[in-house]
Amino acid sequence: MVDRVRHGRETIVISDHGDAPAAALTPVGELAELRRLQEEADIAEADHRKAEGGPVVTHDAFMDDVEAGDAQSAAS
């Protein structure tokens, strides 16, 4: 499977007993792109909140809030 992902640039989705997807194997280049896009989205969210004049929070508290929102979005 790793060779298919590495050399074939294929993404493999893994499910648990045929249920909803549980994990995925993806080429490292695609992972880097996903991480870059997530970072851009996090920065845009921080800029938006800053422009609204919301409360000042620590980076850790902000990231906890963003991750909670991401998890909630993924669950719906």
PDB file of N, CA and C in Angstrom:
ATOM      1  N   MET A   1       0.824  -1.188   0.000  1.00  0.00           N
ATOM      2  CA  MET A   1       0.000   0.000   0.000  1.00  0.00           C
ATOM      3  C   MET A   1       0.866   1.248   0.000  1.00  0.00           C
ATOM      4  N   VAL A   2       1.947   1.232   0.763  1.00  0.00           N
ATOM      5  CA  VAL A   2       2.805   2.408   0.842  1.00  0.00           C
ATOM      6  C   VAL A   2       3.388   2.728  -0.528  1.00  0.00           C
ATOM      7  N   ASP A   3       3.806   1.698  -1.282  1.00  0.00           N
ATOM      8  CA  ASP A   3       4.351   1.942  -2.616  1.00  0.00           C
ATOM      9  C   ASP A   3       3.301   2.555  -3.540  1.00  0.00           C
ATOM     10  N   ARG A   4       2.055   2.103  -3.434  1.00  0.00           N
ATOM     11  CA  ARG A   4       0.983   2.676  -4.260  1.00  0.00           C
ATOM     12  C   ARG A   4       0.807   4.153  -3.952  1.00  0.00           C
ATOM     13  N   VAL A   5       0.903   4.506  -2.687  1.00  0.00           N
ATOM     14  CA  VAL A   5       0.753   5.907  -2.293  1.00  0.00           C
ATOM     15  C   VAL A   5       1.976   6.710  -2.712  1.00  0.00           C
ATOM     16  N   ARG A   6       3.146   6.178  -2.420  1.00  0.00           N
ATOM     17  CA  ARG A   6       4.391   6.903  -2.691  1.00  0.00           C
ATOM     18  C   ARG A   6       4.631   7.082  -4.183  1.00  0.00           C
ATOM     19  N   HIS A   7       4.530   6.002  -4.938  1.00  0.00           N
ATOM     20  CA  HIS A   7       4.906   6.052  -6.350  1.00  0.00           C
ATOM     21  C   HIS A   7       3.722   6.326  -7.278  1.00  0.00           C
ATOM     22  N   GLY A   8       2.550   5.882  -6.888  1.00  0.00           N
ATOM     23  CA  GLY A   8       1.378   6.080  -7.728  1.00  0.00           C
ATOM     24  C   GLY A   8       0.620   7.342  -7.393  1.00  0.00           C
ATOM     25  N   ARG A   9       1.094   8.048  -6.352  1.00  0.00           N
ATOM     26  CA  ARG A   9       0.445   9.270  -5.886  1.00  0.00           C
ATOM     27  C   ARG A   9      -1.052   9.034  -5.664  1.00  0.00           C
ATOM     28  N   GLU A  10      -1.345   7.885  -5.102  1.00  0.00           N
ATOM     29  CA  GLU A  10      -2.715   7.468  -4.831  1.00  0.00           C
ATOM     30  C   GLU A  10      -3.014   7.678  -3.348  1.00  0.00           C
ATOM     31  N   THR A  11      -4.228   8.061  -3.034  1.00  0.00           N
ATOM     32  CA  THR A  11      -4.669   8.140  -1.646  1.00  0.00           C
ATOM     33  C   THR A  11      -5.508   6.911  -1.348  1.00  0.00           C
ATOM     34  N   ILE A  12      -5.225   6.262  -0.234  1.00  0.00           N
ATOM     35  CA  ILE A  12      -5.962   5.068   0.166  1.00  0.00           C
ATOM     36  C   ILE A  12      -6.721   5.383   1.453  1.00  0.00           C
ATOM     37  N   VAL A  13      -8.028   5.182   1.417  1.00  0.00           N
ATOM     38  CA  VAL A  13      -8.881   5.429   2.579  1.00  0.00           C
ATOM     39  C   VAL A  13      -9.120   4.106   3.288  1.00  0.00           C
ATOM     40  N   ILE A  14      -8.944   4.116   4.598  1.00  0.00           N
ATOM     41  CA  ILE A  14      -9.083   2.909   5.412  1.00  0.00           C
ATOM     42  C   ILE A  14     -10.310   3.060   6.301  1.00  0.00           C
ATOM     43  N   SER A  15     -11.165   2.038   6.285  1.00  0.00           N
ATOM     44  CA  SER A  15     -12.345   2.067   7.154  1.00  0.00           C
ATOM     45  C   SER A  15     -12.257   0.928   8.159  1.00  0.00           C
ATOM     46  N   ASP A  16     -13.060   1.024   9.169  1.00  0.00           N
ATOM     47  CA  ASP A  16     -13.098   0.018  10.219  1.00  0.00           C
ATOM     48  C   ASP A  16     -14.309  -0.879   9.980  1.00  0.00           C
ATOM     49  N   HIS A  17     -14.080  -2.083   9.501  1.00  0.00           N
ATOM     50  CA  HIS A  17     -15.144  -3.058   9.232  1.00  0.00           C
ATOM     51  C   HIS A  17     -16.188  -2.511   8.263  1.00  0.00           C
ATOM     52  N   GLY A  18     -15.757  -1.787   7.250  1.00  0.00           N
ATOM     53  CA  GLY A  18     -16.675  -1.298   6.237  1.00  0.00           C
ATOM     54  C   GLY A  18     -17.478  -0.080   6.643  1.00  0.00           C
ATOM     55  N   ASP A  19     -17.212   0.456   7.816  1.00  0.00           N
ATOM     56  CA  ASP A  19     -17.935   1.642   8.263  1.00  0.00           C
ATOM     57  C   ASP A  19     -17.353   2.890   7.608  1.00  0.00           C
ATOM     58  N   ALA A  20     -17.656   4.018   8.169  1.00  0.00           N
ATOM     59  CA  ALA A  20     -17.158   5.297   7.665  1.00  0.00           C
ATOM     60  C   ALA A  20     -15.627   5.317   7.681  1.00  0.00           C
ATOM     61  N   PRO A  21     -15.009   6.111   6.823  1.00  0.00           N
ATOM     62  CA  PRO A  21     -13.548   6.198   6.797  1.00  0.00           C
ATOM     63  C   PRO A  21     -12.974   6.508   8.178  1.00  0.00           C
ATOM     64  N   ALA A  22     -11.875   5.805   8.517  1.00  0.00           N
ATOM     65  CA  ALA A  22     -11.235   5.987   9.817  1.00  0.00           C
ATOM     66  C   ALA A  22      -9.872   6.649   9.683  1.00  0.00           C
ATOM     67  N   ALA A  23      -9.209   6.439   8.552  1.00  0.00           N
ATOM     68  CA  ALA A  23      -7.872   6.998   8.342  1.00  0.00           C
ATOM     69  C   ALA A  23      -7.589   6.988   6.845  1.00  0.00           C
ATOM     70  N   ALA A  24      -6.479   7.638   6.477  1.00  0.00           N
ATOM     71  CA  ALA A  24      -6.101   7.646   5.069  1.00  0.00           C
ATOM     72  C   ALA A  24      -4.587   7.662   4.937  1.00  0.00           C
ATOM     73  N   LEU A  25      -4.104   7.003   3.896  1.00  0.00           N
ATOM     74  CA  LEU A  25      -2.701   7.101   3.506  1.00  0.00           C
ATOM     75  C   LEU A  25      -2.681   8.054   2.318  1.00  0.00           C
ATOM     76  N   THR A  26      -1.867   9.077   2.402  1.00  0.00           N
ATOM     77  CA  THR A  26      -1.818  10.067   1.335  1.00  0.00           C
ATOM     78  C   THR A  26      -0.372  10.437   1.036  1.00  0.00           C
ATOM     79  N   PRO A  27      -0.037  10.787  -0.181  1.00  0.00           N
ATOM     80  CA  PRO A  27       1.332  11.173  -0.488  1.00  0.00           C
ATOM     81  C   PRO A  27       1.786  12.355   0.380  1.00  0.00           C
ATOM     82  N   VAL A  28       3.055  12.354   0.725  1.00  0.00           N
ATOM     83  CA  VAL A  28       3.606  13.385   1.600  1.00  0.00           C
ATOM     84  C   VAL A  28       3.392  14.780   1.018  1.00  0.00           C
ATOM     85  N   GLY A  29       3.505  14.927  -0.285  1.00  0.00           N
ATOM     86  CA  GLY A  29       3.286  16.233  -0.912  1.00  0.00           C
ATOM     87  C   GLY A  29       1.876  16.744  -0.682  1.00  0.00           C
ATOM     88  N   GLU A  30       0.897  15.849  -0.753  1.00  0.00           N
ATOM     89  CA  GLU A  30      -0.487  16.241  -0.497  1.00  0.00           C
ATOM     90  C   GLU A  30      -0.692  16.586   0.971  1.00  0.00           C
ATOM     91  N   LEU A  31      -0.043  15.848   1.861  1.00  0.00           N
ATOM     92  CA  LEU A  31      -0.124  16.157   3.282  1.00  0.00           C
ATOM     93  C   LEU A  31       0.435  17.546   3.562  1.00  0.00           C
ATOM     94  N   ALA A  32       1.565  17.863   2.956  1.00  0.00           N
ATOM     95  CA  ALA A  32       2.162  19.193   3.132  1.00  0.00           C
ATOM     96  C   ALA A  32       1.203  20.274   2.648  1.00  0.00           C
ATOM     97  N   GLU A  33       0.542  20.035   1.532  1.00  0.00           N
ATOM     98  CA  GLU A  33      -0.420  21.005   0.997  1.00  0.00           C
ATOM     99  C   GLU A  33      -1.616  21.154   1.933  1.00  0.00           C
ATOM    100  N   LEU A  34      -2.122  20.049   2.461  1.00  0.00           N
ATOM    101  CA  LEU A  34      -3.230  20.109   3.415  1.00  0.00           C
ATOM    102  C   LEU A  34      -2.848  20.910   4.660  1.00  0.00           C
ATOM    103  N   ARG A  35      -1.638  20.671   5.157  1.00  0.00           N
ATOM    104  CA  ARG A  35      -1.176  21.408   6.328  1.00  0.00           C
ATOM    105  C   ARG A  35      -1.032  22.891   6.030  1.00  0.00           C
ATOM    106  N   ARG A  36      -0.521  23.232   4.837  1.00  0.00           N
ATOM    107  CA  ARG A  36      -0.372  24.635   4.447  1.00  0.00           C
ATOM    108  C   ARG A  36      -1.742  25.305   4.358  1.00  0.00           C
ATOM    109  N   LEU A  37      -2.699  24.629   3.761  1.00  0.00           N
ATOM    110  CA  LEU A  37      -4.043  25.185   3.655  1.00  0.00           C
ATOM    111  C   LEU A  37      -4.692  25.373   5.031  1.00  0.00           C
ATOM    112  N   GLN A  38      -4.483  24.412   5.933  1.00  0.00           N
ATOM    113  CA  GLN A  38      -5.032  24.533   7.279  1.00  0.00           C
ATOM    114  C   GLN A  38      -4.414  25.715   8.004  1.00  0.00           C
ATOM    115  N   GLU A  39      -3.101  25.894   7.849  1.00  0.00           N
ATOM    116  CA  GLU A  39      -2.412  27.030   8.462  1.00  0.00           C
ATOM    117  C   GLU A  39      -2.967  28.344   7.928  1.00  0.00           C
ATOM    118  N   GLU A  40      -3.189  28.422   6.622  1.00  0.00           N
ATOM    119  CA  GLU A  40      -3.769  29.635   6.033  1.00  0.00           C
ATOM    120  C   GLU A  40      -5.162  29.893   6.589  1.00  0.00           C
ATOM    121  N   ALA A  41      -5.956  28.838   6.733  1.00  0.00           N
ATOM    122  CA  ALA A  41      -7.309  28.987   7.284  1.00  0.00           C
ATOM    123  C   ALA A  41      -7.253  29.452   8.736  1.00  0.00           C
ATOM    124  N   ASP A  42      -6.313  28.911   9.516  1.00  0.00           N
ATOM    125  CA  ASP A  42      -6.169  29.324  10.915  1.00  0.00           C
ATOM    126  C   ASP A  42      -5.773  30.791  11.013  1.00  0.00           C
ATOM    127  N   ILE A  43      -4.854  31.228  10.148  1.00  0.00           N
ATOM    128  CA  ILE A  43      -4.421  32.625  10.152  1.00  0.00           C
ATOM    129  C   ILE A  43      -5.575  33.535   9.746  1.00  0.00           C
ATOM    130  N   ALA A  44      -6.336  33.136   8.739  1.00  0.00           N
ATOM    131  CA  ALA A  44      -7.490  33.930   8.310  1.00  0.00           C
ATOM    132  C   ALA A  44      -8.513  34.046   9.431  1.00  0.00           C
ATOM    133  N   GLU A  45      -8.737  32.955  10.144  1.00  0.00           N
ATOM    134  CA  GLU A  45      -9.682  32.981  11.283  1.00  0.00           C
ATOM    135  C   GLU A  45      -9.182  33.919  12.376  1.00  0.00           C
ATOM    136  N   ALA A  46      -7.888  33.864  12.663  1.00  0.00           N
ATOM    137  CA  ALA A  46      -7.317  34.750  13.688  1.00  0.00           C
ATOM    138  C   ALA A  46      -7.448  36.206  13.261  1.00  0.00           C
ATOM    139  N   ASP A  47      -7.162  36.494  11.994  1.00  0.00           N
ATOM    140  CA  ASP A  47      -7.294  37.860  11.492  1.00  0.00           C
ATOM    141  C   ASP A  47      -8.737  38.342  11.581  1.00  0.00           C
ATOM    142  N   HIS A  48      -9.673  37.458  11.242  1.00  0.00           N
ATOM    143  CA  HIS A  48     -11.098  37.800  11.313  1.00  0.00           C
ATOM    144  C   HIS A  48     -11.509  38.125  12.751  1.00  0.00           C
ATOM    145  N   ARG A  49     -11.101  37.285  13.680  1.00  0.00           N
ATOM    146  CA  ARG A  49     -11.453  37.520  15.085  1.00  0.00           C
ATOM    147  C   ARG A  49     -10.819  38.801  15.614  1.00  0.00           C
ATOM    148  N   LYS A  50      -9.583  39.054  15.184  1.00  0.00           N
ATOM    149  CA  LYS A  50      -8.888  40.266  15.609  1.00  0.00           C
ATOM    150  C   LYS A  50      -9.621  41.493  15.076  1.00  0.00           C
ATOM    151  N   ALA A  51     -10.057  41.449  13.816  1.00  0.00           N
ATOM    152  CA  ALA A  51     -10.759  42.578  13.204  1.00  0.00           C
ATOM    153  C   ALA A  51     -12.102  42.842  13.880  1.00  0.00           C
ATOM    154  N   GLU A  52     -12.728  41.792  14.407  1.00  0.00           N
ATOM    155  CA  GLU A  52     -14.009  41.952  15.108  1.00  0.00           C
ATOM    156  C   GLU A  52     -13.839  42.588  16.483  1.00  0.00           C
ATOM    157  N   GLY A  53     -12.597  42.678  16.947  1.00  0.00           N
ATOM    158  CA  GLY A  53     -12.364  43.268  18.267  1.00  0.00           C
ATOM    159  C   GLY A  53     -12.734  42.342  19.401  1.00  0.00           C
ATOM    160  N   GLY A  54     -12.658  41.048  19.156  1.00  0.00           N
ATOM    161  CA  GLY A  54     -12.989  40.069  20.190  1.00  0.00           C
ATOM    162  C   GLY A  54     -11.965  40.066  21.302  1.00  0.00           C
ATOM    163  N   PRO A  55     -12.180  39.225  22.293  1.00  0.00           N
ATOM    164  CA  PRO A  55     -11.269  39.183  23.434  1.00  0.00           C
ATOM    165  C   PRO A  55      -9.878  38.680  23.046  1.00  0.00           C
ATOM    166  N   VAL A  56      -8.884  39.126  23.767  1.00  0.00           N
ATOM    167  CA  VAL A  56      -7.513  38.671  23.553  1.00  0.00           C
ATOM    168  C   VAL A  56      -7.364  37.325  24.260  1.00  0.00           C
ATOM    169  N   VAL A  57      -6.844  36.326  23.523  1.00  0.00           N
ATOM    170  CA  VAL A  57      -6.643  34.993  24.089  1.00  0.00           C
ATOM    171  C   VAL A  57      -5.234  34.523  23.744  1.00  0.00           C
ATOM    172  N   THR A  58      -4.756  33.546  24.493  1.00  0.00           N
ATOM    173  CA  THR A  58      -3.435  32.978  24.212  1.00  0.00           C
ATOM    174  C   THR A  58      -3.503  32.154  22.923  1.00  0.00           C
ATOM    175  N   HIS A  59      -2.357  31.892  22.344  1.00  0.00           N
ATOM    176  CA  HIS A  59      -2.295  31.071  21.132  1.00  0.00           C
ATOM    177  C   HIS A  59      -2.877  29.690  21.398  1.00  0.00           C
ATOM    178  N   ASP A  60      -2.518  29.093  22.540  1.00  0.00           N
ATOM    179  CA  ASP A  60      -3.022  27.751  22.860  1.00  0.00           C
ATOM    180  C   ASP A  60      -4.544  27.745  22.983  1.00  0.00           C
ATOM    181  N   ALA A  61      -5.095  28.754  23.638  1.00  0.00           N
ATOM    182  CA  ALA A  61      -6.553  28.828  23.793  1.00  0.00           C
ATOM    183  C   ALA A  61      -7.218  29.020  22.431  1.00  0.00           C
ATOM    184  N   PHE A  62      -6.623  29.859  21.594  1.00  0.00           N
ATOM    185  CA  PHE A  62      -7.170  30.079  20.255  1.00  0.00           C
ATOM    186  C   PHE A  62      -7.166  28.782  19.455  1.00  0.00           C
ATOM    187  N   MET A  63      -6.027  28.057  19.466  1.00  0.00           N
ATOM    188  CA  MET A  63      -5.929  26.822  18.701  1.00  0.00           C
ATOM    189  C   MET A  63      -6.893  25.762  19.234  1.00  0.00           C
ATOM    190  N   ASP A  64      -7.084  25.704  20.558  1.00  0.00           N
ATOM    191  CA  ASP A  64      -8.063  24.774  21.124  1.00  0.00           C
ATOM    192  C   ASP A  64      -9.456  25.082  20.581  1.00  0.00           C
ATOM    193  N   ASP A  65      -9.789  26.370  20.496  1.00  0.00           N
ATOM    194  CA  ASP A  65     -11.095  26.788  19.999  1.00  0.00           C
ATOM    195  C   ASP A  65     -11.245  26.449  18.514  1.00  0.00           C
ATOM    196  N   VAL A  66     -10.206  26.717  17.731  1.00  0.00           N
ATOM    197  CA  VAL A  66     -10.241  26.406  16.299  1.00  0.00           C
ATOM    198  C   VAL A  66     -10.386  24.904  16.089  1.00  0.00           C
ATOM    199  N   GLU A  67      -9.609  24.103  16.828  1.00  0.00           N
ATOM    200  CA  GLU A  67      -9.674  22.651  16.676  1.00  0.00           C
ATOM    201  C   GLU A  67     -11.035  22.103  17.101  1.00  0.00           C
ATOM    202  N   ALA A  68     -11.632  22.693  18.127  1.00  0.00           N
ATOM    203  CA  ALA A  68     -12.967  22.270  18.551  1.00  0.00           C
ATOM    204  C   ALA A  68     -13.978  22.566  17.444  1.00  0.00           C
ATOM    205  N   GLY A  69     -13.839  23.718  16.807  1.00  0.00           N
ATOM    206  CA  GLY A  69     -14.716  24.056  15.678  1.00  0.00           C
ATOM    207  C   GLY A  69     -14.516  23.123  14.505  1.00  0.00           C
ATOM    208  N   ASP A  70     -13.247  22.772  14.226  1.00  0.00           N
ATOM    209  CA  ASP A  70     -12.955  21.833  13.142  1.00  0.00           C
ATOM    210  C   ASP A  70     -13.584  20.474  13.435  1.00  0.00           C
ATOM    211  N   ALA A  71     -13.463  20.012  14.670  1.00  0.00           N
ATOM    212  CA  ALA A  71     -14.017  18.713  15.055  1.00  0.00           C
ATOM    213  C   ALA A  71     -15.536  18.734  14.936  1.00  0.00           C
ATOM    214  N   GLN A  72     -16.138  19.838  15.332  1.00  0.00           N
ATOM    215  CA  GLN A  72     -17.588  19.956  15.247  1.00  0.00           C
ATOM    216  C   GLN A  72     -18.039  19.951  13.783  1.00  0.00           C
ATOM    217  N   SER A  73     -17.299  20.638  12.932  1.00  0.00           N
ATOM    218  CA  SER A  73     -17.616  20.662  11.496  1.00  0.00           C
ATOM    219  C   SER A  73     -17.481  19.266  10.889  1.00  0.00           C
ATOM    220  N   ALA A  74     -16.433  18.550  11.295  1.00  0.00           N
ATOM    221  CA  ALA A  74     -16.200  17.206  10.751  1.00  0.00           C
ATOM    222  C   ALA A  74     -17.298  16.231  11.188  1.00  0.00           C
ATOM    223  N   ALA A  75     -17.851  16.462  12.370  1.00  0.00           N
ATOM    224  CA  ALA A  75     -18.883  15.566  12.898  1.00  0.00           C
ATOM    225  C   ALA A  75     -20.230  15.784  12.228  1.00  0.00           C
ATOM    226  N   SER A  76     -20.419  16.957  11.603  1.00  0.00           N
ATOM    227  CA  SER A  76     -21.727  17.206  10.995  1.00  0.00           C
ATOM    228  C   SER A  76     -21.776  16.849   9.545  1.00  0.00           C
TER     229      SER A  76
END
